[in-house]
Amino acid sequence: MTTTEPRPGSTGGADEAGQLHGGPDDDYSPEQLAAMDRTELDRLGARLDGVEILHVEPAAPIGSPLDKKNTRLVTMWFALAGLLSLAFVVVFLGSGWFLPSWEWRIESGTWSALYTPLLGATMGGALIAVGVALVLYVKKLLPHETAVQDKHDGSHFDRVTTGATLMGGLHNSGLPRRKLLVGVLGVMSLAFGAMLVSLLGGFIKNPNKGNPLGTTPWAQGVRLLRDDGTPVRPGDQQPGSLATVFPAVEGGDRAYDAAVMLIRLRPEQIESLRPATGREDFGFGDYVAYSKVCTHAGCPVSLYEQETSRILCPCHQSQFDVTQGAKPVFGPATRSLPQLPIEVDEEGYFVARGDFPEPIGPSFWNIGRLN
């Protein structure tokens, strides 16, 4: 008949009986260790491990007025961290969903101006609140003990006593008896984790939605406006002149790819006009419109020499012939300036017939889009 002995280390140590490494295992059998409570094991392990206790300051008794005050203080900071983390998630994920969409704007007082500061304030506040809560938890709710311990190899004895020490630490923390604090910690952990996980969306979400490098604010029926916001009629410009115009849409005068050169050709230029194939009807009368963004490095092309019909980019001296479909004739640019198709609406103002038929700007932006 066999009998089952109590498992050694039932208070937190190893499951296997026997003396594994000598030393304390020779002095204390698994049965003796299993018979000791957690406090005895903790003290025995400290003594035999060469631990010297320099100072012990017990925490306030559980349930005492001081303990309740300290618990409320720690709970408040953990709750604040959870609320700020939740606020971050709401602002970050809610923008463009049930909150206004974020976009960069110059004007102040809008949701776009508050979006980034709100993210920084909520995340920074959550991190600070967690830090303050952890410091207060250690200082207010845990017993303070200063000890010095020599390092040595472990054994079965060490595993048993270390397990008791860890369980004793949990018991001394009072967490199992502080139900409200445990609940707040759980909710805060979920909200704090959601805040950190939600940041991964910025790495997963495709920022290239809607083909932003292949489209501009120009569209069919959008009027051409001067920088003062007034529309343009045929005859407003002198032959041989150039005017910079923008689309009549919100933010059109600030869009990086929307600026257009509206050029009125002289009679002799019209005689030598050779538009690009398929774009013979992109102009209107003696007017043509080309993108103001250089196809070499994205600089603004703004110098126009009507005697030679050349548009000059001041950055790297690329030159484009306006009578040859704004084809590059000098400098590093290798692609013609995109041409905007224009017409006149019922009120006699210039409007776009659609967007540019090709991407705007440097060719290196458009690898895979150009033929």
Protein backbone atom coordinates (compact mmCIF):
# COMPACT_ATOMS: atom_id res chain seq x y z
CA MET A 1 0.00 0.00 0.00
CA THR A 2 1.38 3.37 -0.97
CA THR A 3 0.72 6.65 0.70
CA THR A 4 0.79 10.11 -0.81
CA GLU A 5 2.96 12.58 0.99
CA PRO A 6 2.10 16.28 0.89
CA ARG A 7 3.88 18.00 -1.93
CA PRO A 8 6.92 19.91 -0.78
CA GLY A 9 6.85 23.57 -1.56
CA SER A 10 3.06 23.74 -1.50
CA THR A 11 3.35 27.33 -0.41
CA GLY A 12 4.92 28.36 -3.68
CA GLY A 13 8.04 26.28 -4.42
CA ALA A 14 9.00 23.47 -6.77
CA ASP A 15 6.80 20.43 -7.28
CA GLU A 16 9.57 17.82 -7.22
CA ALA A 17 10.70 16.39 -3.88
CA GLY A 18 14.25 15.57 -3.06
CA GLN A 19 17.44 17.38 -2.39
CA LEU A 20 18.52 18.78 -5.72
CA HIS A 21 21.58 20.87 -5.03
CA GLY A 22 22.63 20.21 -1.43
CA GLY A 23 23.12 23.10 0.98
CA PRO A 24 19.86 24.07 2.76
CA ASP A 25 18.18 21.02 1.21
CA ASP A 26 20.32 18.89 3.53
CA ASP A 27 19.02 20.78 6.57
CA TYR A 28 15.34 21.14 5.63
CA SER A 29 13.36 18.32 4.06
CA PRO A 30 10.46 19.00 1.68
CA GLU A 31 8.10 17.91 4.43
CA GLN A 32 9.52 20.48 6.86
CA LEU A 33 9.31 23.24 4.31
CA ALA A 34 5.71 22.33 3.41
CA ALA A 35 4.76 22.53 7.09
CA MET A 36 5.93 26.14 7.42
CA ASP A 37 3.66 29.09 6.62
CA ARG A 38 4.57 31.82 4.19
CA THR A 39 5.94 34.22 6.78
CA GLU A 40 8.22 31.58 8.29
CA LEU A 41 9.51 30.59 4.87
CA ASP A 42 10.08 34.21 3.96
CA ARG A 43 12.15 34.87 7.07
CA LEU A 44 13.99 31.58 6.80
CA GLY A 45 14.89 32.23 3.19
CA ALA A 46 16.12 35.73 4.03
CA ARG A 47 18.25 34.48 6.89
CA LEU A 48 19.83 31.59 5.05
CA ASP A 49 20.29 33.62 1.87
CA GLY A 50 22.46 36.08 3.67
CA VAL A 51 19.97 38.91 3.64
CA GLU A 52 20.54 41.69 6.12
CA ILE A 53 17.46 43.72 7.01
CA LEU A 54 18.50 47.30 7.59
CA HIS A 55 15.15 48.99 8.08
CA VAL A 56 11.48 47.97 8.17
CA GLU A 57 8.59 50.42 8.05
CA PRO A 58 5.19 48.69 7.96
CA ALA A 59 2.34 50.08 5.89
CA ALA A 60 -0.83 51.42 7.48
CA PRO A 61 -3.12 48.61 8.64
CA ILE A 62 -5.71 47.52 6.08
CA GLY A 63 -9.01 49.28 6.76
CA SER A 64 -7.54 52.03 8.93
CA PRO A 65 -8.45 55.68 8.16
CA LEU A 66 -4.93 56.32 6.83
CA ASP A 67 -5.07 53.22 4.64
CA LYS A 68 -8.46 54.25 3.23
CA LYS A 69 -7.15 57.73 2.50
CA ASN A 70 -4.06 56.37 0.73
CA THR A 71 -6.13 53.85 -1.23
CA ARG A 72 -8.49 56.58 -2.45
CA LEU A 73 -5.53 58.70 -3.53
CA VAL A 74 -3.91 55.87 -5.53
CA THR A 75 -7.27 54.83 -7.00
CA MET A 76 -7.96 58.39 -8.11
CA TRP A 77 -4.71 58.61 -10.06
CA PHE A 78 -5.22 55.22 -11.72
CA ALA A 79 -8.79 56.25 -12.62
CA LEU A 80 -7.50 59.51 -14.09
CA ALA A 81 -4.99 57.57 -16.20
CA GLY A 82 -7.81 55.36 -17.49
CA LEU A 83 -10.04 58.33 -18.35
CA LEU A 84 -7.24 60.14 -20.19
CA SER A 85 -6.33 56.96 -22.08
CA LEU A 86 -9.96 56.53 -23.09
CA ALA A 87 -10.11 60.19 -24.17
CA PHE A 88 -7.05 59.64 -26.37
CA VAL A 89 -8.70 56.66 -28.06
CA VAL A 90 -11.91 58.67 -28.64
CA VAL A 91 -10.04 61.60 -30.21
CA PHE A 92 -7.65 59.44 -32.25
CA LEU A 93 -10.18 56.97 -33.63
CA GLY A 94 -13.21 59.29 -33.63
CA SER A 95 -11.72 61.93 -35.91
CA GLY A 96 -13.37 61.50 -39.28
CA TRP A 97 -15.89 59.01 -37.82
CA PHE A 98 -18.20 60.60 -35.24
CA LEU A 99 -15.93 63.65 -34.74
CA PRO A 100 -14.91 66.21 -37.40
CA SER A 101 -12.17 65.16 -39.79
CA TRP A 102 -8.67 66.42 -39.11
CA GLU A 103 -6.74 68.33 -41.72
CA TRP A 104 -3.97 70.87 -41.53
CA ARG A 105 -5.24 74.44 -41.49
CA ILE A 106 -3.70 77.84 -40.93
CA GLU A 107 -6.73 79.26 -39.14
CA SER A 108 -7.03 78.73 -35.38
CA GLY A 109 -10.07 77.82 -33.35
CA THR A 110 -11.02 74.76 -35.41
CA TRP A 111 -11.04 71.05 -34.63
CA SER A 112 -7.95 70.67 -36.80
CA ALA A 113 -6.09 73.15 -34.61
CA LEU A 114 -7.09 71.26 -31.45
CA TYR A 115 -6.61 67.70 -32.72
CA THR A 116 -2.87 67.30 -32.21
CA PRO A 117 -2.73 69.19 -28.87
CA LEU A 118 -5.58 67.02 -27.58
CA LEU A 119 -3.71 63.84 -28.51
CA GLY A 120 -0.55 65.08 -26.83
CA ALA A 121 -2.37 66.27 -23.71
CA THR A 122 -4.38 63.07 -23.22
CA MET A 123 -1.49 60.68 -23.82
CA GLY A 124 0.97 62.76 -21.80
CA GLY A 125 -1.55 63.11 -19.00
CA ALA A 126 -2.21 59.35 -18.99
CA LEU A 127 1.49 58.53 -18.76
CA ILE A 128 2.02 61.06 -15.99
CA ALA A 129 -1.01 59.79 -14.08
CA VAL A 130 0.21 56.19 -14.28
CA GLY A 131 3.64 57.26 -13.07
CA VAL A 132 2.22 59.23 -10.16
CA ALA A 133 -0.13 56.35 -9.25
CA LEU A 134 2.72 53.81 -9.21
CA VAL A 135 4.91 56.04 -7.05
CA LEU A 136 2.07 56.66 -4.60
CA TYR A 137 1.20 52.97 -4.55
CA VAL A 138 4.75 52.04 -3.56
CA LYS A 139 5.11 54.85 -1.04
CA LYS A 140 1.64 54.72 0.54
CA LEU A 141 0.40 51.14 0.34
CA LEU A 142 3.46 48.88 0.47
CA PRO A 143 5.61 48.17 3.54
CA HIS A 144 9.10 49.59 3.21
CA GLU A 145 12.05 47.32 3.78
CA THR A 146 15.69 48.06 3.14
CA ALA A 147 17.83 44.93 2.81
CA VAL A 148 21.16 43.78 1.39
CA GLN A 149 21.55 40.31 -0.13
CA ASP A 150 24.50 38.35 -1.49
CA LYS A 151 24.01 36.58 -4.80
CA HIS A 152 24.48 32.80 -4.98
CA ASP A 153 23.33 29.78 -6.98
CA GLY A 154 19.73 28.64 -6.54
CA SER A 155 18.33 25.35 -5.28
CA HIS A 156 15.04 23.69 -4.44
CA PHE A 157 15.14 25.50 -1.14
CA ASP A 158 15.59 28.81 -2.97
CA ARG A 159 12.64 28.18 -5.23
CA VAL A 160 10.37 27.34 -2.31
CA THR A 161 11.37 30.34 -0.20
CA THR A 162 11.37 32.71 -3.18
CA GLY A 163 7.85 31.64 -4.06
CA ALA A 164 6.80 32.33 -0.49
CA THR A 165 8.48 35.75 -0.65
CA LEU A 166 6.61 36.68 -3.83
CA MET A 167 3.27 35.52 -2.46
CA GLY A 168 4.04 37.35 0.76
CA GLY A 169 4.68 40.53 -1.20
CA LEU A 170 1.29 40.22 -2.89
CA HIS A 171 -0.35 39.57 0.47
CA ASN A 172 1.38 42.54 2.11
CA SER A 173 0.37 44.84 -0.75
CA GLY A 174 -3.25 44.46 0.29
CA LEU A 175 -4.43 44.23 -3.33
CA PRO A 176 -6.59 41.13 -2.80
CA ARG A 177 -8.56 43.05 -0.17
CA ARG A 178 -8.78 46.37 -2.03
CA LYS A 179 -11.54 45.46 -4.48
CA LEU A 180 -12.17 49.00 -5.76
CA LEU A 181 -8.50 49.57 -6.50
CA VAL A 182 -8.25 46.21 -8.28
CA GLY A 183 -11.30 47.06 -10.40
CA VAL A 184 -9.96 50.50 -11.31
CA LEU A 185 -6.60 48.96 -12.14
CA GLY A 186 -8.28 46.50 -14.50
CA VAL A 187 -10.28 49.20 -16.30
CA MET A 188 -7.25 51.51 -16.44
CA SER A 189 -5.11 48.71 -17.90
CA LEU A 190 -7.66 48.08 -20.65
CA ALA A 191 -7.96 51.79 -21.53
CA PHE A 192 -4.19 52.32 -21.32
CA GLY A 193 -3.58 49.28 -23.51
CA ALA A 194 -6.18 50.47 -26.01
CA MET A 195 -4.43 53.84 -26.17
CA LEU A 196 -1.10 52.20 -26.99
CA VAL A 197 -2.60 49.69 -29.44
CA SER A 198 -4.57 52.38 -31.27
CA LEU A 199 -1.28 54.03 -32.25
CA LEU A 200 -0.55 51.01 -34.41
CA GLY A 201 -3.33 52.19 -36.69
CA GLY A 202 -1.01 54.89 -37.96
CA PHE A 203 1.34 52.17 -39.19
CA ILE A 204 -1.42 50.05 -40.70
CA LYS A 205 -3.64 52.71 -42.28
CA ASN A 206 -2.79 53.56 -45.88
CA PRO A 207 -2.13 57.34 -46.05
CA ASN A 208 -2.32 57.27 -49.84
CA LYS A 209 -6.11 57.06 -50.00
CA GLY A 210 -7.74 58.73 -52.95
CA ASN A 211 -4.54 58.95 -55.05
CA PRO A 212 -3.38 62.30 -53.54
CA LEU A 213 -0.30 62.50 -55.78
CA GLY A 214 -2.36 61.88 -58.88
CA THR A 215 -5.21 64.34 -58.28
CA THR A 216 -5.57 68.04 -57.44
CA PRO A 217 -8.44 70.32 -56.33
CA TRP A 218 -9.20 71.10 -59.96
CA ALA A 219 -12.37 69.55 -61.37
CA GLN A 220 -14.94 70.20 -64.06
CA GLY A 221 -16.61 73.59 -63.63
CA VAL A 222 -14.18 74.93 -60.98
CA ARG A 223 -13.48 78.59 -61.66
CA LEU A 224 -10.02 80.11 -61.99
CA LEU A 225 -9.45 82.76 -59.29
CA ARG A 226 -6.73 85.36 -58.86
CA ASP A 227 -4.86 85.56 -55.54
CA ASP A 228 -7.36 88.23 -54.42
CA GLY A 229 -10.26 85.79 -54.96
CA THR A 230 -11.70 87.40 -58.10
CA PRO A 231 -12.60 85.26 -61.14
CA VAL A 232 -10.98 85.75 -64.53
CA ARG A 233 -12.67 86.56 -67.86
CA PRO A 234 -11.14 86.39 -71.34
CA GLY A 235 -9.78 89.83 -72.13
CA ASP A 236 -8.71 90.60 -68.54
CA GLN A 237 -5.07 89.99 -69.43
CA GLN A 238 -2.88 91.65 -72.00
CA PRO A 239 -1.43 89.46 -74.79
CA GLY A 240 1.93 88.04 -73.69
CA SER A 241 1.07 88.22 -69.95
CA LEU A 242 0.97 85.56 -67.24
CA ALA A 243 -1.30 85.39 -64.19
CA THR A 244 -1.18 82.90 -61.35
CA VAL A 245 -4.63 81.46 -60.61
CA PHE A 246 -6.10 79.02 -58.11
CA PRO A 247 -9.16 76.76 -57.98
CA ALA A 248 -12.33 78.25 -56.48
CA VAL A 249 -12.58 75.64 -53.72
CA GLU A 250 -11.95 75.84 -49.99
CA GLY A 251 -8.21 75.91 -49.39
CA GLY A 252 -7.48 76.03 -53.13
CA ASP A 253 -5.07 78.94 -52.75
CA ARG A 254 -3.00 76.89 -50.28
CA ALA A 255 -2.97 73.53 -52.03
CA TYR A 256 0.60 72.60 -52.94
CA ASP A 257 -0.37 71.26 -56.38
CA ALA A 258 -3.14 73.68 -57.41
CA ALA A 259 -1.29 76.83 -58.56
CA VAL A 260 -1.68 77.37 -62.31
CA MET A 261 -0.14 79.79 -64.80
CA LEU A 262 -2.82 81.32 -67.05
CA ILE A 263 -0.99 82.68 -70.09
CA ARG A 264 -2.44 84.81 -72.88
CA LEU A 265 -0.43 84.21 -76.02
CA ARG A 266 0.54 86.87 -78.50
CA PRO A 267 -0.64 86.56 -82.14
CA GLU A 268 2.78 85.42 -83.38
CA GLN A 269 2.88 82.76 -80.63
CA ILE A 270 -0.48 81.41 -81.75
CA GLU A 271 0.85 81.02 -85.28
CA SER A 272 3.72 78.79 -84.01
CA LEU A 273 1.60 76.98 -81.41
CA ARG A 274 2.15 73.21 -81.45
CA PRO A 275 0.12 71.66 -78.60
CA ALA A 276 0.87 68.16 -77.37
CA THR A 277 -0.89 65.30 -79.08
CA GLY A 278 -4.40 64.84 -77.72
CA ARG A 279 -4.43 68.26 -76.08
CA GLU A 280 -5.24 70.42 -79.07
CA ASP A 281 -8.44 71.66 -77.39
CA PHE A 282 -7.05 72.20 -73.88
CA GLY A 283 -6.68 75.94 -74.40
CA PHE A 284 -9.40 78.55 -74.97
CA GLY A 285 -8.81 81.07 -77.71
CA ASP A 286 -5.40 82.60 -77.11
CA TYR A 287 -5.26 81.34 -73.48
CA VAL A 288 -3.42 78.28 -72.15
CA ALA A 289 -2.99 77.08 -68.56
CA TYR A 290 -0.08 75.07 -67.15
CA SER A 291 0.88 73.81 -63.71
CA LYS A 292 3.15 76.11 -61.75
CA VAL A 293 5.03 73.17 -60.15
CA CYS A 294 8.25 72.27 -61.92
CA THR A 295 8.52 68.65 -63.04
CA HIS A 296 12.17 68.49 -61.98
CA ALA A 297 12.21 69.20 -58.23
CA GLY A 298 8.85 70.77 -57.48
CA CYS A 299 9.95 74.41 -57.39
CA PRO A 300 7.46 77.11 -58.48
CA VAL A 301 8.02 78.11 -62.09
CA SER A 302 7.08 81.76 -62.25
CA LEU A 303 9.34 83.55 -64.72
CA TYR A 304 7.89 84.02 -68.21
CA GLU A 305 9.81 85.49 -71.13
CA GLN A 306 7.21 86.27 -73.76
CA GLU A 307 9.76 87.17 -76.47
CA THR A 308 11.15 83.62 -76.45
CA SER A 309 7.91 81.93 -75.24
CA ARG A 310 9.85 80.29 -72.43
CA ILE A 311 8.81 79.61 -68.86
CA LEU A 312 11.82 79.55 -66.50
CA CYS A 313 12.22 77.70 -63.21
CA PRO A 314 14.53 79.80 -60.99
CA CYS A 315 15.75 76.84 -58.91
CA HIS A 316 17.70 74.85 -61.49
CA GLN A 317 17.11 76.89 -64.66
CA SER A 318 14.84 74.43 -66.44
CA GLN A 319 13.07 76.11 -69.36
CA PHE A 320 9.75 75.13 -70.97
CA ASP A 321 8.46 76.30 -74.36
CA VAL A 322 4.84 77.44 -74.01
CA THR A 323 4.23 77.14 -77.76
CA GLN A 324 5.33 73.48 -77.72
CA GLY A 325 3.03 72.24 -75.00
CA ALA A 326 5.39 73.50 -72.25
CA LYS A 327 7.99 70.95 -73.34
CA PRO A 328 11.37 71.25 -71.54
CA VAL A 329 13.98 72.75 -73.84
CA PHE A 330 16.77 73.45 -71.35
CA GLY A 331 17.89 72.32 -67.91
CA PRO A 332 17.40 69.15 -65.88
CA ALA A 333 13.61 68.81 -66.28
CA THR A 334 12.66 65.91 -68.58
CA ARG A 335 8.87 66.15 -68.58
CA SER A 336 6.50 68.82 -69.89
CA LEU A 337 4.51 70.91 -67.46
CA PRO A 338 1.01 69.38 -67.06
CA GLN A 339 -1.64 71.38 -68.90
CA LEU A 340 -5.03 72.22 -67.38
CA PRO A 341 -7.95 72.05 -69.82
CA ILE A 342 -9.99 75.26 -69.61
CA GLU A 343 -13.21 76.74 -71.01
CA VAL A 344 -15.65 79.55 -70.21
CA ASP A 345 -18.84 79.10 -68.20
CA GLU A 346 -22.26 80.65 -68.88
CA GLU A 347 -21.30 83.83 -67.02
CA GLY A 348 -18.16 84.26 -69.11
CA TYR A 349 -15.59 83.24 -66.52
CA PHE A 350 -12.77 80.78 -67.01
CA VAL A 351 -13.39 77.34 -65.51
CA ALA A 352 -11.53 74.04 -65.63
CA ARG A 353 -12.89 71.28 -67.84
CA GLY A 354 -11.48 68.71 -65.42
CA ASP A 355 -8.37 67.86 -63.47
CA PHE A 356 -4.89 67.61 -64.94
CA PRO A 357 -4.60 64.48 -67.09
CA GLU A 358 -1.31 63.54 -65.40
CA PRO A 359 0.27 63.85 -61.93
CA ILE A 360 1.70 67.17 -60.84
CA GLY A 361 5.27 67.83 -59.81
CA PRO A 362 8.59 65.97 -59.90
CA SER A 363 8.77 62.77 -61.87
CA PHE A 364 10.25 60.86 -58.92
CA TRP A 365 6.89 61.28 -57.15
CA ASN A 366 5.19 59.57 -60.02
CA ILE A 367 7.21 56.44 -60.70
CA GLY A 368 4.80 53.85 -62.01
CA ARG A 369 2.22 56.48 -63.00
CA LEU A 370 3.98 57.94 -66.04
CA ASN A 371 4.31 56.40 -69.47
